[in-house]
Every structure is written in C-alpha cells, then in structure tokens.
Protein backbone atom coordinates (compact mmCIF):
# COMPACT_ATOMS: atom_id res chain seq x y z
CA MET A 1 162.27 -68.48 -201.13
CA GLN A 2 164.54 -69.39 -198.17
CA VAL A 3 163.74 -66.81 -195.57
CA LYS A 4 166.61 -65.79 -193.27
CA SER A 5 165.38 -62.52 -191.78
CA PHE A 6 162.45 -60.03 -191.89
CA ALA A 7 161.56 -56.45 -190.84
CA ILE A 8 158.82 -55.39 -188.64
CA TRP A 9 157.01 -52.09 -189.35
CA ALA A 10 153.97 -51.27 -186.93
CA ASN A 11 151.76 -48.57 -185.70
CA PRO A 12 153.00 -48.11 -182.07
CA GLU A 13 149.70 -46.54 -181.22
CA LYS A 14 147.85 -49.89 -181.55
CA LYS A 15 147.46 -51.68 -178.26
CA GLN A 16 148.01 -55.08 -179.64
CA VAL A 17 151.27 -54.07 -181.34
CA PRO A 18 153.70 -54.85 -178.35
CA ALA A 19 152.42 -58.40 -177.78
CA LEU A 20 152.42 -59.23 -181.56
CA VAL A 21 156.07 -57.75 -181.94
CA LYS A 22 157.22 -59.86 -178.88
CA SER A 23 155.42 -63.02 -180.36
CA ALA A 24 156.96 -62.41 -183.80
CA ILE A 25 160.44 -62.05 -182.23
CA LYS A 26 160.00 -65.12 -180.19
CA TRP A 27 158.98 -67.09 -183.33
CA ALA A 28 161.97 -65.65 -185.18
CA ASN A 29 164.35 -66.81 -182.39
CA GLU A 30 162.87 -70.15 -182.20
CA ASN A 31 163.48 -70.49 -186.04
CA ASN A 32 166.99 -68.82 -186.13
CA LEU A 33 165.84 -65.70 -188.16
CA ASP A 34 167.12 -62.37 -187.73
CA VAL A 35 164.72 -59.44 -187.17
CA PHE A 36 165.05 -55.75 -188.10
CA LEU A 37 162.84 -53.62 -185.94
CA ALA A 38 161.64 -50.05 -186.78
CA GLU A 39 163.29 -47.35 -184.48
CA ARG A 40 159.61 -46.13 -183.72
CA LEU A 41 159.14 -49.35 -181.76
CA LYS A 42 162.03 -48.93 -179.42
CA SER A 43 159.60 -48.44 -176.54
CA ILE A 44 158.78 -52.05 -176.83
CA ASP A 45 160.83 -54.01 -174.22
CA VAL A 46 162.46 -56.89 -176.33
CA GLN A 47 165.78 -58.47 -175.48
CA ASN A 48 167.21 -60.51 -178.26
CA GLU A 49 170.69 -60.39 -179.74
CA ASN A 50 169.36 -61.21 -183.24
CA ILE A 51 167.35 -57.79 -183.33
CA SER A 52 168.74 -54.78 -185.14
CA TYR A 53 166.84 -51.28 -185.28
CA PHE A 54 166.50 -49.52 -188.61
CA SER A 55 165.38 -45.99 -189.50
CA SER A 56 162.87 -45.18 -192.29
CA GLN A 57 165.63 -43.44 -194.26
CA ASP A 58 167.80 -46.54 -194.19
CA PRO A 59 166.00 -49.71 -194.65
CA PRO A 60 167.69 -53.03 -194.22
CA GLU A 61 167.96 -55.88 -196.74
CA ALA A 62 165.35 -58.26 -195.38
CA GLY A 63 163.61 -61.33 -196.77
CA PHE A 64 160.08 -59.70 -196.13
CA LEU A 65 158.27 -57.07 -194.29
CA LEU A 66 155.86 -57.71 -191.61
CA CYS A 67 153.42 -54.75 -191.20
CA LEU A 68 151.17 -54.57 -188.08
CA GLY A 69 148.36 -52.01 -188.31
CA GLY A 70 145.93 -50.48 -190.63
CA ASP A 71 146.04 -49.56 -194.24
CA GLY A 72 147.99 -46.40 -193.65
CA THR A 73 150.71 -48.30 -191.65
CA LEU A 74 150.95 -50.82 -194.55
CA ILE A 75 151.31 -48.13 -197.13
CA SER A 76 153.86 -46.31 -195.25
CA GLY A 77 155.96 -49.33 -194.75
CA VAL A 78 155.81 -50.49 -198.33
CA ARG A 79 156.93 -46.95 -199.38
CA ILE A 80 159.94 -47.44 -197.22
CA PHE A 81 160.87 -50.67 -198.65
CA SER A 82 159.97 -49.94 -202.28
CA ASN A 83 163.62 -49.79 -203.66
CA PRO A 84 163.84 -52.69 -204.16
CA SER A 85 160.43 -53.98 -203.33
CA ILE A 86 160.44 -56.81 -200.81
CA PRO A 87 157.29 -59.09 -200.01
CA VAL A 88 155.03 -57.80 -197.49
CA LEU A 89 152.82 -59.56 -195.01
CA GLY A 90 150.01 -57.30 -193.64
CA VAL A 91 148.38 -58.08 -190.28
CA HIS A 92 145.06 -56.16 -189.73
CA LEU A 93 144.56 -54.45 -186.37
CA GLY A 94 141.02 -52.86 -186.14
CA GLY A 95 139.22 -50.32 -188.25
CA LEU A 96 137.95 -51.04 -191.73
CA GLY A 97 141.52 -52.05 -193.02
CA PHE A 98 141.22 -53.70 -196.50
CA LEU A 99 144.95 -54.45 -197.49
CA ALA A 100 146.26 -56.48 -194.79
CA GLN A 101 145.20 -60.01 -195.49
CA ILE A 102 145.58 -61.83 -192.11
CA THR A 103 144.41 -61.25 -188.43
CA PRO A 104 146.57 -61.45 -185.23
CA GLU A 105 145.10 -64.94 -184.28
CA VAL A 106 146.71 -66.60 -187.19
CA LEU A 107 150.04 -64.80 -187.35
CA ILE A 108 152.33 -67.41 -186.11
CA ASP A 109 150.59 -69.99 -188.34
CA LYS A 110 151.09 -67.78 -191.47
CA LEU A 111 154.78 -67.07 -190.46
CA ASP A 112 155.32 -70.85 -190.39
CA SER A 113 153.84 -70.99 -193.88
CA VAL A 114 156.10 -68.28 -195.06
CA LYS A 115 159.18 -70.14 -193.52
CA ASN A 116 158.08 -73.49 -195.20
CA ASP A 117 157.55 -71.69 -198.54
CA GLN A 118 153.76 -72.22 -198.47
CA PHE A 119 152.56 -69.03 -199.88
CA LYS A 120 152.36 -67.06 -203.16
CA ILE A 121 153.50 -63.59 -204.09
CA GLN A 122 150.85 -61.36 -205.81
CA ASP A 123 152.22 -58.54 -207.77
CA ARG A 124 150.24 -55.31 -207.62
CA LEU A 125 150.59 -52.09 -209.70
CA VAL A 126 152.33 -49.06 -208.41
CA LEU A 127 151.83 -45.65 -210.04
CA THR A 128 154.43 -43.09 -210.36
CA ALA A 129 153.79 -39.21 -210.89
CA SER A 130 155.97 -36.40 -212.12
CA ILE A 131 155.37 -32.46 -211.90
CA SER A 132 157.10 -30.34 -214.50
CA ASN A 133 159.73 -28.10 -212.95
CA ASN A 134 160.10 -30.68 -210.10
CA GLU A 135 162.86 -33.25 -210.45
CA ASP A 136 161.45 -35.62 -207.86
CA LEU A 137 159.30 -38.78 -208.63
CA PHE A 138 156.35 -39.92 -206.69
CA PHE A 139 155.00 -43.29 -206.07
CA ALA A 140 151.51 -44.42 -205.00
CA VAL A 141 150.25 -47.73 -203.86
CA ASN A 142 146.59 -46.63 -203.61
CA ASP A 143 146.11 -43.35 -205.47
CA PHE A 144 147.14 -39.78 -206.59
CA VAL A 145 144.62 -37.10 -206.05
CA VAL A 146 144.97 -33.66 -207.94
CA GLN A 147 143.00 -30.81 -206.40
CA ASN A 148 143.21 -27.12 -205.66
CA GLU A 149 145.34 -25.96 -202.79
CA THR A 150 142.06 -24.40 -201.43
CA SER A 151 139.95 -27.60 -201.33
CA PHE A 152 136.54 -25.81 -201.64
CA ARG A 153 137.41 -24.30 -204.98
CA VAL A 154 136.56 -26.12 -208.18
CA THR A 155 139.39 -27.78 -209.89
CA SER A 156 139.53 -27.10 -213.77
CA LEU A 157 141.78 -29.43 -215.79
CA SER A 158 142.20 -31.28 -219.01
CA LEU A 159 142.91 -34.98 -219.27
CA TYR A 160 145.49 -36.29 -222.00
CA ILE A 161 146.28 -40.02 -222.61
CA ASP A 162 149.37 -40.64 -224.46
CA ASN A 163 149.39 -36.95 -225.47
CA LYS A 164 145.84 -37.13 -226.83
CA HIS A 165 143.22 -34.87 -225.55
CA VAL A 166 140.41 -37.06 -223.72
CA SER A 167 138.26 -34.74 -221.59
CA ASP A 168 138.00 -31.66 -219.66
CA TYR A 169 136.84 -31.67 -216.06
CA LYS A 170 135.45 -29.25 -213.61
CA SER A 171 135.14 -30.94 -210.26
CA ASP A 172 136.40 -31.04 -206.60
CA GLY A 173 139.53 -32.86 -207.82
CA ILE A 174 140.47 -35.95 -209.75
CA ILE A 175 141.73 -39.37 -208.48
CA ILE A 176 144.18 -41.47 -210.24
CA SER A 177 143.96 -44.81 -208.67
CA THR A 178 145.63 -48.47 -208.72
CA PRO A 179 143.35 -51.52 -208.66
CA THR A 180 144.62 -51.82 -204.96
CA GLY A 181 143.19 -48.37 -204.32
CA SER A 182 140.01 -48.96 -206.20
CA THR A 183 138.23 -49.75 -202.96
CA ALA A 184 139.52 -46.80 -201.13
CA TYR A 185 138.92 -43.09 -202.15
CA SER A 186 138.05 -43.83 -205.73
CA LEU A 187 135.20 -46.12 -204.62
CA SER A 188 133.70 -43.56 -202.28
CA SER A 189 133.55 -41.05 -205.17
CA GLY A 190 131.71 -43.56 -207.53
CA GLY A 191 134.79 -45.32 -209.05
CA PRO A 192 134.65 -49.09 -209.93
CA ILE A 193 136.09 -52.02 -208.06
CA VAL A 194 138.93 -53.56 -209.95
CA GLN A 195 140.44 -56.90 -209.01
CA PRO A 196 144.01 -56.14 -207.76
CA ASP A 197 145.70 -58.41 -210.33
CA VAL A 198 144.03 -56.71 -213.18
CA PHE A 199 146.76 -54.04 -213.97
CA SER A 200 144.96 -50.84 -214.87
CA ILE A 201 144.73 -47.12 -214.18
CA ILE A 202 141.40 -45.89 -212.95
CA ILE A 203 140.50 -42.00 -213.31
CA THR A 204 137.72 -40.79 -211.03
CA PRO A 205 136.43 -37.35 -210.77
CA ILE A 206 135.47 -35.96 -207.50
CA ALA A 207 131.95 -34.59 -207.41
CA PRO A 208 132.04 -33.45 -211.26
CA HIS A 209 130.05 -30.48 -212.44
CA SER A 210 128.57 -32.57 -215.23
CA LEU A 211 126.36 -35.60 -215.49
CA THR A 212 128.52 -36.92 -218.46
CA SER A 213 131.76 -37.20 -216.40
CA ARG A 214 132.24 -40.73 -215.62
CA PRO A 215 135.26 -42.76 -214.36
CA LEU A 216 137.64 -44.36 -216.87
CA VAL A 217 139.46 -47.51 -216.55
CA LEU A 218 142.73 -47.56 -218.63
CA PRO A 219 145.42 -49.95 -219.52
CA SER A 220 148.44 -49.73 -217.26
CA ASN A 221 150.87 -48.92 -220.12
CA VAL A 222 149.50 -45.66 -221.00
CA GLU A 223 150.91 -42.09 -219.83
CA VAL A 224 148.21 -39.97 -218.13
CA GLU A 225 148.75 -36.16 -218.22
CA PHE A 226 146.91 -33.32 -216.58
CA ARG A 227 147.17 -29.74 -217.87
CA PHE A 228 145.55 -26.65 -216.53
CA ASN A 229 143.97 -23.82 -218.36
CA GLU A 230 143.13 -20.25 -217.71
CA GLU A 231 139.99 -21.03 -215.72
CA SER A 232 142.03 -23.12 -213.24
CA GLU A 233 143.08 -21.80 -209.85
CA ASN A 234 146.86 -20.85 -209.79
CA ASN A 235 147.81 -23.12 -206.76
CA LEU A 236 147.17 -26.79 -206.82
CA LYS A 237 148.37 -29.92 -204.92
CA LEU A 238 149.15 -33.64 -205.68
CA ILE A 239 148.25 -35.89 -202.70
CA VAL A 240 150.00 -39.11 -202.52
CA ASP A 241 148.28 -42.08 -201.03
CA GLY A 242 146.44 -39.54 -198.53
CA GLN A 243 149.85 -39.12 -196.76
CA ASN A 244 152.00 -36.58 -198.71
CA ILE A 245 151.19 -33.33 -200.41
CA ILE A 246 153.24 -31.58 -203.03
CA ASN A 247 152.17 -28.02 -204.10
CA PHE A 248 152.49 -26.79 -207.66
CA SER A 249 151.16 -24.11 -209.87
CA LYS A 250 148.83 -24.30 -212.93
CA GLU A 251 151.85 -23.50 -215.34
CA SER A 252 152.99 -27.10 -214.33
CA THR A 253 151.78 -30.24 -215.89
CA VAL A 254 151.37 -33.61 -214.04
CA LYS A 255 152.23 -36.85 -215.60
CA LEU A 256 151.40 -40.43 -214.35
CA SER A 257 152.25 -43.87 -215.48
CA LYS A 258 153.03 -47.27 -214.13
CA ALA A 259 156.19 -47.51 -211.93
CA GLU A 260 159.01 -50.14 -212.93
CA HIS A 261 158.52 -51.88 -209.64
CA HIS A 262 155.49 -53.64 -208.21
CA LEU A 263 154.00 -54.01 -204.82
CA LYS A 264 154.59 -57.73 -203.66
CA PHE A 265 151.97 -59.13 -201.36
CA ILE A 266 152.30 -62.38 -199.56
CA THR A 267 149.07 -64.31 -199.96
CA PHE A 268 147.84 -67.77 -199.14
CA GLU A 269 145.66 -70.48 -200.35
CA ASP A 270 142.91 -69.52 -198.07
CA TYR A 271 142.75 -65.94 -198.98
CA ASN A 272 139.69 -64.97 -200.85
CA TYR A 273 139.31 -61.48 -202.39
CA TYR A 274 135.70 -61.53 -202.87
CA GLU A 275 135.08 -62.76 -199.28
CA THR A 276 137.00 -59.71 -198.22
CA LEU A 277 134.80 -57.38 -200.31
CA LYS A 278 131.65 -58.93 -198.81
CA LYS A 279 132.90 -58.71 -195.17
CA LYS A 280 134.62 -55.31 -195.36
CA MET A 281 132.42 -53.43 -197.95
CA ILE A 282 129.05 -55.32 -197.41
CA TRP A 283 129.36 -55.94 -201.18
CA GLY A 284 126.49 -57.60 -202.87
CA ARG A 285 124.23 -57.61 -199.92
CA ARG A 286 120.62 -56.25 -200.51
CA GLY A 287 119.01 -53.82 -198.10
CA SER A 288 116.19 -54.97 -195.82
C-alpha cells in the first residue's frame, strides 16, 4: 500500500513517549508524510506544519495507526480506529505487553519497511456483543467477561450455541475470548492458547464450581448466547476488553458473535509468534 499519512496514539504517562513521538514525526517529515496526533499528546512540544490533532470521537482517515504503549493503549487505539479498521503498528513500552510486535529500538527501521511496502497484514478476529433491551453493539479485541455486578457473588448462567443448550455454569464469571485474547485473562483462568490467525471463539469459566466445567473452543461463525435463570443474581455486568463496563439485569440475554470487521496488524518477516510466547509467557520452559 502507498502510505501518505499515519496517526499516532500513545500513553502520555510513558516516559519514552515524547522522544518516540518526536522521532516518528521527524521521520514523517523526511518522507513527506502527514501525521495525525492524538489530542492527549498536545503536551509534547512538536513544531511541524504537517501535523493535525484529532479527538478520540473524530478519528481521521489515515494510512495506518502507530500505537506507543502497552496492550491497553493498543486496544483503546484500535477501538477508536475500528470503523473502518486501519492497519496498526504497535510499539511495546515496558510491562508484559503481548500485542505490540516491535520495540522502540527498531521503530524507524520498521517505519521504513512500512513505507517501502515490506510488511504483511495479519487479520485478527474481533467479537461483537449485544444485550437485549439495549440498542448498542459492543466490540472486543481481547475478550468479553460476564459477571455479577457484585464480583464476589457466584454467577449462574446457561450457555447456548446457535440456539442449542450446551451447558449451565456456576462460577465467578465467564470469559468469551478471541484468539488474540487467548493469552490474556482467558489463559490465567485455565483457557487454551490459540494462534491469532486461527479464527475461533474461546469460552472459559472463571473458577467454576464443578470439576467438569472446561473451556470450549468454537468455530468463529457460531452465535453464542447467555441466559440467566431464577438462581442468578439480578444485577450483572458485561466487561469489554477490561476497559468498559455495561450493567444489565438477569431478565436480559447476552449474544456474541464475530464482528464484520477484523483487526489488522502490521507484521514483518522477522516476527515469530512462538518466540514471543517463550519470551513473554516463559512458555515451554521446564522448572528447575
């Protein structure tokens, strides 16, 4: 693709962000690219006539999105630029961070690769959820979580797939994850690791009150539904990517399915998902 502009979304609390933003803007100026900078970064002293500021409510039309920060920053940036989706390049800054694929040290080299069309786009599944009696649609890159409004109370619900009853759960809640989110909350609750390009929906109960309750991996073209019975607490919540909470009552139902749009990750030949697993998750390493 011929890149003419890009947007920058970053966590202003990260110490490296000002220097990286200035470096990216300098690179853009040298390569005659326009830059859209998030308003939350206005405190960074940059002087360039090719810069425009944008709000999260009014994202610009850009060639790609450069995210600087951790997984939470990347997810919030992707949500802003999800309609329509644009390719995203994530730069990991500190912490565990699993989604961003490059480090600050190689940022300029990778920007050169993007400009020279030396990259690939990896499509990743996005999930959508709806709650009866609520007209809004919700989208998740990592996961949805269904729990009681009071977190220490047991969640009692029934799972339906394509309108067929599958199982009843009593647990601390239930996680509905994308493959991208399979290494997040779902994994810490005993869910499987699913390679990001294997489109599927992962259902993982949180601390289930039964030894027979196990995670499920479903094809991405099914509709998942949760219904709540007499034993359920009246007040429940849907948590979206750990960032947004929607409250509802047990008279409602929650339906989830794959979204029409995908998350588009910019990736490179030298990226190795399994090396990331081994490095970040200490995967496959035996204890001493």
